[in-house]
Amino acid sequence: MKHTKIVRITDVEKDKALLEEAGRIIRDGGLVVFPTETVYGIGANGLDADACRSIYTAKGRPSDNPLILTVPDKEAVKEVAACITPTAQKLLDAFWPGPLTIIFPRQKKVPNAATGGLDTVALRCPDHAVCRAFLRCAGVPVAGPSANLSGRPSPTTAAEVAHDMEGRVDMIIDGGPCEIGVESTIVECNADDMVTILRPGGVTTAMLERVVGHVQVDTSLVTGQGVPKAPGMKYRHYAPSASMTTVIGSVSAVTAKLSQLYEQYRREGLSVGFLVSAEVASHFPQENMYVWGHHDDKEGLANQLYTGLLFFDDHRVDHILAEGTDSEGLGMAIMNRMKKASGGDIVIL
């Protein structure tokens, strides 16, 4: 087990010595957990194959699951991407820094351990001041998948990180709670002015359509079939500690269905937890309940999704009854995660 140093960063200038220490750990081949606006990431030198492999070990992550490399600014793309197409440049200019990961052809110096053996590299510049200051101190692209054990919900606070990663990494940078709460959108640039969404996230389809001519969704994301080309899409992810059923519909319809399921599980002698909106929560016992926002507030729901799933680590139940949302806008990202967390057990009313 490693000794994990946990540091709180509130001012990037005042705390520069700590950030420089974190940068040295990265350059020396170590692991540093860092905050972003989406979720916390576990960082290693993205140009060091051994360091990248240590991420897979710390997370228990399959080695053919590619990593995202994080960079402090748009200029850093040139260090690892073989080329930047006009479409990619439009995306960089519109969304960086921000929750958008773009797939580029990779330069040879990017190791297979960072790309899952693909000839492309996924790059992102987070919209988080502490994160970008850390990346500048590191001086290299930092591989940064979510800082959780593989298959578990992603962490959005340093305390949630420590639950999974203390003793597995050298340092955890506490930069406060994450603002968005679900991972970045991943896109691939295709023909001129066309992009494919490989993973939905904080940048929605409508936002992309305001910048490029045509946006499509990867077929493996729609059907669940085929070989996904992006991090986080190949294996079971975001799983809470118990099995889960997610129900989507109006407040009244969801309440009625969850009531039916609740009585069914109680008759079977099973304990039940609830992950629901405030509007639905009032109809059920408050024990083992996490209210993760309001029914129509998708930004609030996204922000609390993973914290809600992790709530059931401490409030153990046999089954979780959850309320989902529609797939419009940010709902696509929310429901992508909830479908995986539920093992596909989704009820649409």
Protein backbone atom coordinates (compact mmCIF):
# COMPACT_ATOMS: atom_id res chain seq x y z
CA MET A 1 0.00 0.00 0.00
CA LYS A 2 1.19 3.50 -0.86
CA HIS A 3 1.18 6.40 1.57
CA THR A 4 -1.38 8.80 0.12
CA LYS A 5 -0.89 12.49 0.81
CA ILE A 6 -4.15 14.49 0.70
CA VAL A 7 -3.81 18.24 0.07
CA ARG A 8 -6.51 20.94 -0.11
CA ILE A 9 -5.93 23.56 -2.79
CA THR A 10 -7.90 26.80 -2.48
CA ASP A 11 -5.55 29.29 -4.16
CA VAL A 12 -3.31 28.19 -7.05
CA GLU A 13 -0.76 30.90 -6.34
CA LYS A 14 -0.64 30.49 -2.57
CA ASP A 15 -0.56 26.69 -2.90
CA LYS A 16 1.84 26.58 -5.83
CA ALA A 17 4.44 24.56 -3.90
CA LEU A 18 1.93 21.75 -3.40
CA LEU A 19 1.00 21.82 -7.09
CA GLU A 20 4.67 21.67 -8.05
CA GLU A 21 5.09 18.68 -5.75
CA ALA A 22 2.17 17.01 -7.51
CA GLY A 23 3.78 17.78 -10.87
CA ARG A 24 7.03 16.15 -9.77
CA ILE A 25 5.15 13.03 -8.70
CA ILE A 26 3.68 12.78 -12.20
CA ARG A 27 7.04 13.26 -13.94
CA ASP A 28 8.58 10.65 -11.61
CA GLY A 29 6.00 8.07 -12.67
CA GLY A 30 3.64 8.37 -9.70
CA LEU A 31 -0.13 8.77 -9.42
CA VAL A 32 -1.98 11.96 -8.45
CA VAL A 33 -5.75 12.33 -8.18
CA PHE A 34 -6.93 15.75 -9.36
CA PRO A 35 -10.24 17.64 -9.59
CA THR A 36 -12.02 18.68 -12.78
CA GLU A 37 -15.40 20.28 -13.43
CA THR A 38 -16.85 16.86 -14.30
CA VAL A 39 -15.44 14.21 -11.91
CA TYR A 40 -12.12 13.58 -10.15
CA GLY A 41 -9.42 11.95 -12.29
CA ILE A 42 -6.51 9.66 -11.42
CA GLY A 43 -3.45 11.10 -13.15
CA ALA A 44 -0.23 9.65 -14.49
CA ASN A 45 2.33 10.74 -17.09
CA GLY A 46 0.50 10.09 -20.35
CA LEU A 47 3.77 9.63 -22.24
CA ASP A 48 5.13 7.02 -19.82
CA ALA A 49 3.84 3.53 -20.60
CA ASP A 50 4.71 2.15 -17.16
CA ALA A 51 2.96 5.06 -15.42
CA CYS A 52 -0.14 4.55 -17.57
CA ARG A 53 -0.14 0.85 -16.71
CA SER A 54 -0.05 1.78 -13.02
CA ILE A 55 -3.44 3.50 -13.51
CA TYR A 56 -4.92 0.25 -14.77
CA THR A 57 -3.50 -1.51 -11.71
CA ALA A 58 -4.79 1.09 -9.24
CA LYS A 59 -8.27 1.05 -10.76
CA GLY A 60 -8.44 -2.64 -11.60
CA ARG A 61 -9.21 -1.41 -15.12
CA PRO A 62 -8.99 -3.60 -18.27
CA SER A 63 -5.89 -2.62 -20.25
CA ASP A 64 -7.74 -2.35 -23.57
CA ASN A 65 -9.93 0.44 -22.18
CA PRO A 66 -8.32 3.67 -23.51
CA LEU A 67 -7.37 6.60 -21.27
CA ILE A 68 -8.10 10.29 -21.76
CA LEU A 69 -5.06 12.58 -21.71
CA THR A 70 -5.68 15.94 -20.06
CA VAL A 71 -3.79 19.07 -21.15
CA PRO A 72 -3.72 22.63 -19.77
CA ASP A 73 -4.56 24.48 -23.01
CA LYS A 74 -5.26 24.18 -26.75
CA GLU A 75 -1.61 24.61 -27.70
CA ALA A 76 -0.70 21.39 -25.90
CA VAL A 77 -2.73 19.38 -28.42
CA LYS A 78 0.11 19.80 -30.91
CA GLU A 79 2.43 17.86 -28.58
CA VAL A 80 0.52 14.58 -28.96
CA ALA A 81 -1.93 14.84 -31.89
CA ALA A 82 -0.63 13.96 -35.36
CA CYS A 83 -2.97 16.53 -36.94
CA ILE A 84 -5.81 18.91 -36.12
CA THR A 85 -8.59 18.97 -38.70
CA PRO A 86 -10.66 22.14 -39.33
CA THR A 87 -13.63 20.48 -37.61
CA ALA A 88 -11.54 19.62 -34.56
CA GLN A 89 -10.23 23.19 -34.44
CA LYS A 90 -13.79 24.52 -34.40
CA LEU A 91 -14.56 22.28 -31.43
CA LEU A 92 -11.38 23.36 -29.61
CA ASP A 93 -12.24 27.02 -30.11
CA ALA A 94 -15.86 26.58 -29.00
CA PHE A 95 -15.59 24.21 -26.04
CA TRP A 96 -12.08 24.29 -24.54
CA PRO A 97 -11.52 24.52 -21.69
CA GLY A 98 -14.61 22.46 -20.94
CA PRO A 99 -16.26 19.04 -20.69
CA LEU A 100 -15.49 17.91 -24.25
CA THR A 101 -12.98 15.19 -25.13
CA ILE A 102 -11.89 15.03 -28.77
CA ILE A 103 -10.37 12.00 -30.50
CA PHE A 104 -7.24 12.79 -32.57
CA PRO A 105 -4.79 10.69 -34.60
CA ARG A 106 -1.90 10.15 -32.19
CA GLN A 107 1.78 10.86 -32.52
CA LYS A 108 4.09 7.85 -32.13
CA LYS A 109 5.37 9.05 -28.75
CA VAL A 110 1.96 8.38 -27.18
CA PRO A 111 2.26 4.82 -25.81
CA ASN A 112 -0.20 2.00 -26.48
CA ALA A 113 -0.79 1.86 -22.73
CA ALA A 114 -2.52 5.27 -22.99
CA THR A 115 -4.66 4.43 -26.01
CA GLY A 116 -5.75 0.87 -25.39
CA GLY A 117 -3.79 -0.06 -28.52
CA LEU A 118 -5.76 2.31 -30.76
CA ASP A 119 -4.04 4.59 -33.28
CA THR A 120 -5.92 7.57 -31.82
CA VAL A 121 -5.64 9.55 -28.59
CA ALA A 122 -8.44 11.17 -26.56
CA LEU A 123 -7.63 14.70 -25.37
CA ARG A 124 -9.38 17.12 -23.00
CA CYS A 125 -8.68 20.47 -21.36
CA PRO A 126 -10.77 20.71 -18.16
CA ASP A 127 -12.49 23.93 -17.12
CA HIS A 128 -11.08 23.91 -13.60
CA ALA A 129 -8.42 26.38 -12.43
CA VAL A 130 -6.77 24.01 -9.92
CA CYS A 131 -6.65 21.24 -12.50
CA ARG A 132 -5.04 23.38 -15.21
CA ALA A 133 -2.50 24.77 -12.72
CA PHE A 134 -1.60 21.18 -11.78
CA LEU A 135 -1.29 20.21 -15.46
CA ARG A 136 1.06 23.15 -16.10
CA CYS A 137 3.22 22.06 -13.16
CA ALA A 138 3.28 18.49 -14.48
CA GLY A 139 4.62 19.69 -17.84
CA VAL A 140 3.38 16.56 -19.65
CA PRO A 141 -0.04 15.35 -20.84
CA VAL A 142 -1.65 13.64 -17.86
CA ALA A 143 -3.70 10.49 -18.37
CA GLY A 144 -6.80 11.03 -16.26
CA PRO A 145 -9.64 8.50 -16.10
CA SER A 146 -12.12 8.78 -13.24
CA ALA A 147 -10.56 8.15 -9.83
CA ASN A 148 -12.63 5.13 -8.80
CA LEU A 149 -12.20 1.39 -8.80
CA SER A 150 -13.21 0.05 -12.20
CA GLY A 151 -16.96 -0.40 -12.54
CA ARG A 152 -17.81 1.80 -9.54
CA PRO A 153 -19.53 5.21 -9.59
CA SER A 154 -17.15 8.07 -10.36
CA PRO A 155 -16.19 10.39 -7.48
CA THR A 156 -17.17 14.06 -7.40
CA THR A 157 -15.55 14.92 -4.03
CA ALA A 158 -12.14 14.19 -2.54
CA ALA A 159 -13.79 12.20 0.25
CA GLU A 160 -15.36 9.88 -2.32
CA VAL A 161 -11.96 9.53 -3.99
CA ALA A 162 -10.30 8.53 -0.72
CA HIS A 163 -12.87 5.77 -0.22
CA ASP A 164 -11.54 3.93 -3.29
CA MET A 165 -8.04 5.31 -3.80
CA GLU A 166 -6.36 5.96 -0.46
CA GLY A 167 -3.32 3.68 -0.36
CA ARG A 168 -3.39 3.23 -4.14
CA VAL A 169 -2.12 6.67 -5.23
CA ASP A 170 0.65 9.03 -4.09
CA MET A 171 -1.44 12.19 -3.71
CA ILE A 172 -5.05 13.37 -3.77
CA ILE A 173 -5.60 17.04 -4.63
CA ASP A 174 -8.82 18.24 -2.99
CA GLY A 175 -10.20 21.04 -5.15
CA GLY A 176 -13.74 20.97 -3.78
CA PRO A 177 -16.88 19.37 -5.22
CA CYS A 178 -17.10 18.94 -8.99
CA GLU A 179 -19.52 21.29 -10.71
CA ILE A 180 -21.03 19.11 -13.46
CA GLY A 181 -20.95 15.62 -11.96
CA VAL A 182 -20.88 13.42 -15.07
CA GLU A 183 -17.88 12.80 -17.32
CA SER A 184 -17.05 14.73 -20.46
CA THR A 185 -18.66 14.18 -23.83
CA ILE A 186 -16.34 12.27 -26.18
CA VAL A 187 -16.52 13.00 -29.91
CA GLU A 188 -14.81 11.79 -33.05
CA CYS A 189 -14.41 14.12 -36.03
CA ASN A 190 -15.50 12.46 -39.28
CA ALA A 191 -16.08 14.08 -42.64
CA ASP A 192 -15.96 17.86 -42.99
CA ASP A 193 -18.13 19.52 -40.33
CA MET A 194 -19.43 16.22 -38.91
CA VAL A 195 -18.84 14.68 -35.49
CA THR A 196 -19.90 11.42 -33.84
CA ILE A 197 -20.73 11.30 -30.13
CA LEU A 198 -18.95 8.28 -28.65
CA ARG A 199 -19.93 9.05 -25.06
CA PRO A 200 -22.55 11.61 -23.95
CA GLY A 201 -21.56 14.08 -21.25
CA GLY A 202 -21.49 17.73 -20.25
CA VAL A 203 -21.57 19.06 -23.83
CA THR A 204 -24.96 18.18 -25.31
CA THR A 205 -25.97 17.35 -28.89
CA ALA A 206 -27.67 20.73 -29.24
CA MET A 207 -24.51 22.53 -28.13
CA LEU A 208 -22.44 20.64 -30.71
CA GLU A 209 -24.99 21.35 -33.45
CA ARG A 210 -24.50 25.07 -32.93
CA VAL A 211 -20.84 24.65 -33.92
CA VAL A 212 -20.68 21.89 -36.56
CA GLY A 213 -22.97 20.99 -39.44
CA HIS A 214 -23.99 17.48 -38.43
CA VAL A 215 -23.90 15.46 -35.21
CA GLN A 216 -24.57 11.73 -34.99
CA VAL A 217 -24.44 9.21 -32.17
CA ASP A 218 -22.19 6.14 -32.35
CA THR A 219 -24.21 3.04 -33.17
CA SER A 220 -22.72 1.04 -30.31
CA LEU A 221 -23.96 3.73 -27.91
CA VAL A 222 -27.49 3.52 -29.34
CA THR A 223 -27.78 -0.26 -29.67
CA GLY A 224 -25.31 -1.52 -27.07
CA GLN A 225 -23.78 -3.66 -29.83
CA GLY A 226 -20.38 -3.46 -31.52
CA VAL A 227 -16.98 -2.34 -30.23
CA PRO A 228 -17.02 1.09 -28.56
CA LYS A 229 -14.11 3.40 -29.40
CA ALA A 230 -14.10 5.59 -26.30
CA PRO A 231 -13.19 5.32 -22.61
CA GLY A 232 -15.93 4.17 -20.29
CA MET A 233 -18.12 2.52 -22.93
CA LYS A 234 -16.88 -1.08 -23.15
CA TYR A 235 -17.33 -2.49 -19.67
CA ARG A 236 -19.92 -2.29 -16.89
CA HIS A 237 -19.56 1.07 -15.18
CA TYR A 238 -21.06 3.27 -12.46
CA ALA A 239 -22.44 0.28 -10.51
CA PRO A 240 -23.75 0.93 -6.98
CA SER A 241 -23.38 -1.65 -4.22
CA ALA A 242 -26.85 -3.14 -4.88
CA SER A 243 -28.90 -4.07 -7.92
CA MET A 244 -31.03 -1.21 -9.25
CA THR A 245 -34.19 -0.60 -11.26
CA THR A 246 -34.62 2.79 -12.95
CA VAL A 247 -38.08 4.08 -13.83
CA ILE A 248 -38.67 6.98 -16.28
CA GLY A 249 -41.86 8.99 -16.64
CA SER A 250 -43.97 11.72 -15.06
CA VAL A 251 -43.88 12.22 -11.30
CA SER A 252 -47.25 10.51 -10.86
CA ALA A 253 -46.40 7.58 -13.14
CA VAL A 254 -42.99 7.03 -11.53
CA THR A 255 -44.51 7.22 -8.04
CA ALA A 256 -47.14 4.62 -8.92
CA LYS A 257 -44.63 2.22 -10.48
CA LEU A 258 -42.13 2.56 -7.65
CA SER A 259 -44.93 1.94 -5.14
CA GLN A 260 -45.77 -1.30 -6.95
CA LEU A 261 -42.13 -2.40 -7.02
CA TYR A 262 -41.58 -1.36 -3.41
CA GLU A 263 -44.46 -3.55 -2.20
CA GLN A 264 -43.21 -6.44 -4.35
CA TYR A 265 -39.72 -6.33 -2.86
CA ARG A 266 -41.08 -5.96 0.67
CA ARG A 267 -43.23 -9.08 0.22
CA GLU A 268 -40.07 -10.90 -0.84
CA GLY A 269 -38.37 -9.81 2.39
CA LEU A 270 -35.85 -7.52 0.63
CA SER A 271 -34.68 -4.13 1.88
CA VAL A 272 -35.17 -1.25 -0.54
CA GLY A 273 -33.44 2.09 -1.08
CA PHE A 274 -34.62 5.04 -3.14
CA LEU A 275 -32.70 7.35 -5.50
CA VAL A 276 -35.40 9.79 -6.52
CA SER A 277 -36.38 13.42 -7.04
CA ALA A 278 -37.79 15.56 -4.27
CA GLU A 279 -41.21 15.35 -5.91
CA VAL A 280 -41.28 11.54 -5.77
CA ALA A 281 -39.49 11.22 -2.42
CA SER A 282 -42.43 12.62 -0.42
CA HIS A 283 -44.47 9.48 -1.18
CA PHE A 284 -42.05 6.99 0.39
CA PRO A 285 -40.32 6.21 3.69
CA GLN A 286 -37.29 8.45 4.16
CA GLU A 287 -35.03 5.69 5.46
CA ASN A 288 -32.34 4.66 2.91
CA MET A 289 -33.38 7.46 0.59
CA TYR A 290 -31.18 9.82 -1.43
CA VAL A 291 -32.99 12.80 -2.96
CA TRP A 292 -30.81 13.68 -5.92
CA GLY A 293 -32.56 16.81 -7.16
CA HIS A 294 -35.82 17.99 -8.71
CA HIS A 295 -37.65 16.10 -11.42
CA ASP A 296 -37.06 18.66 -14.21
CA ASP A 297 -33.62 19.96 -13.16
CA LYS A 298 -31.19 17.88 -15.21
CA GLU A 299 -28.15 19.94 -14.22
CA GLY A 300 -28.93 19.28 -10.56
CA LEU A 301 -29.58 15.59 -11.21
CA ALA A 302 -26.28 15.18 -13.09
CA ASN A 303 -24.40 16.92 -10.30
CA GLN A 304 -25.74 14.50 -7.65
CA LEU A 305 -25.97 11.23 -9.62
CA TYR A 306 -22.72 9.61 -8.52
CA THR A 307 -22.97 10.87 -4.96
CA GLY A 308 -26.42 9.33 -4.86
CA LEU A 309 -25.15 5.99 -6.13
CA LEU A 310 -22.28 6.05 -3.61
CA PHE A 311 -24.77 6.81 -0.80
CA PHE A 312 -25.68 3.14 -0.88
CA ASP A 313 -22.16 2.12 0.10
CA ASP A 314 -23.02 3.36 3.60
CA HIS A 315 -26.76 2.60 3.50
CA ARG A 316 -26.78 -1.02 2.44
CA VAL A 317 -29.95 -2.37 0.84
CA ASP A 318 -30.85 -5.37 -1.29
CA HIS A 319 -32.25 -3.31 -4.17
CA ILE A 320 -32.36 0.33 -5.24
CA LEU A 321 -35.44 1.88 -6.84
CA ALA A 322 -34.34 4.88 -8.90
CA GLU A 323 -36.04 7.61 -10.85
CA GLY A 324 -34.57 8.44 -14.26
CA THR A 325 -35.14 11.26 -16.71
CA ASP A 326 -35.73 11.64 -20.42
CA SER A 327 -32.79 11.57 -22.83
CA GLU A 328 -33.03 15.13 -24.11
CA GLY A 329 -30.05 17.43 -23.58
CA LEU A 330 -28.00 16.49 -20.54
CA GLY A 331 -30.48 13.66 -19.96
CA MET A 332 -28.64 11.59 -22.57
CA ALA A 333 -25.53 11.56 -20.39
CA ILE A 334 -27.51 10.92 -17.20
CA MET A 335 -29.42 7.99 -18.68
CA ASN A 336 -26.29 6.52 -20.29
CA ARG A 337 -24.85 6.20 -16.78
CA MET A 338 -28.08 5.07 -15.16
CA LYS A 339 -28.61 2.36 -17.76
CA LYS A 340 -25.17 0.96 -16.96
CA ALA A 341 -25.66 1.35 -13.20
CA SER A 342 -28.97 -0.52 -13.52
CA GLY A 343 -27.52 -3.28 -15.65
CA GLY A 344 -30.09 -2.35 -18.29
CA ASP A 345 -33.06 -2.71 -15.90
CA ILE A 346 -34.93 0.36 -17.19
CA VAL A 347 -38.72 0.89 -17.13
CA ILE A 348 -40.10 3.61 -19.43
CA LEU A 349 -43.68 4.65 -18.66
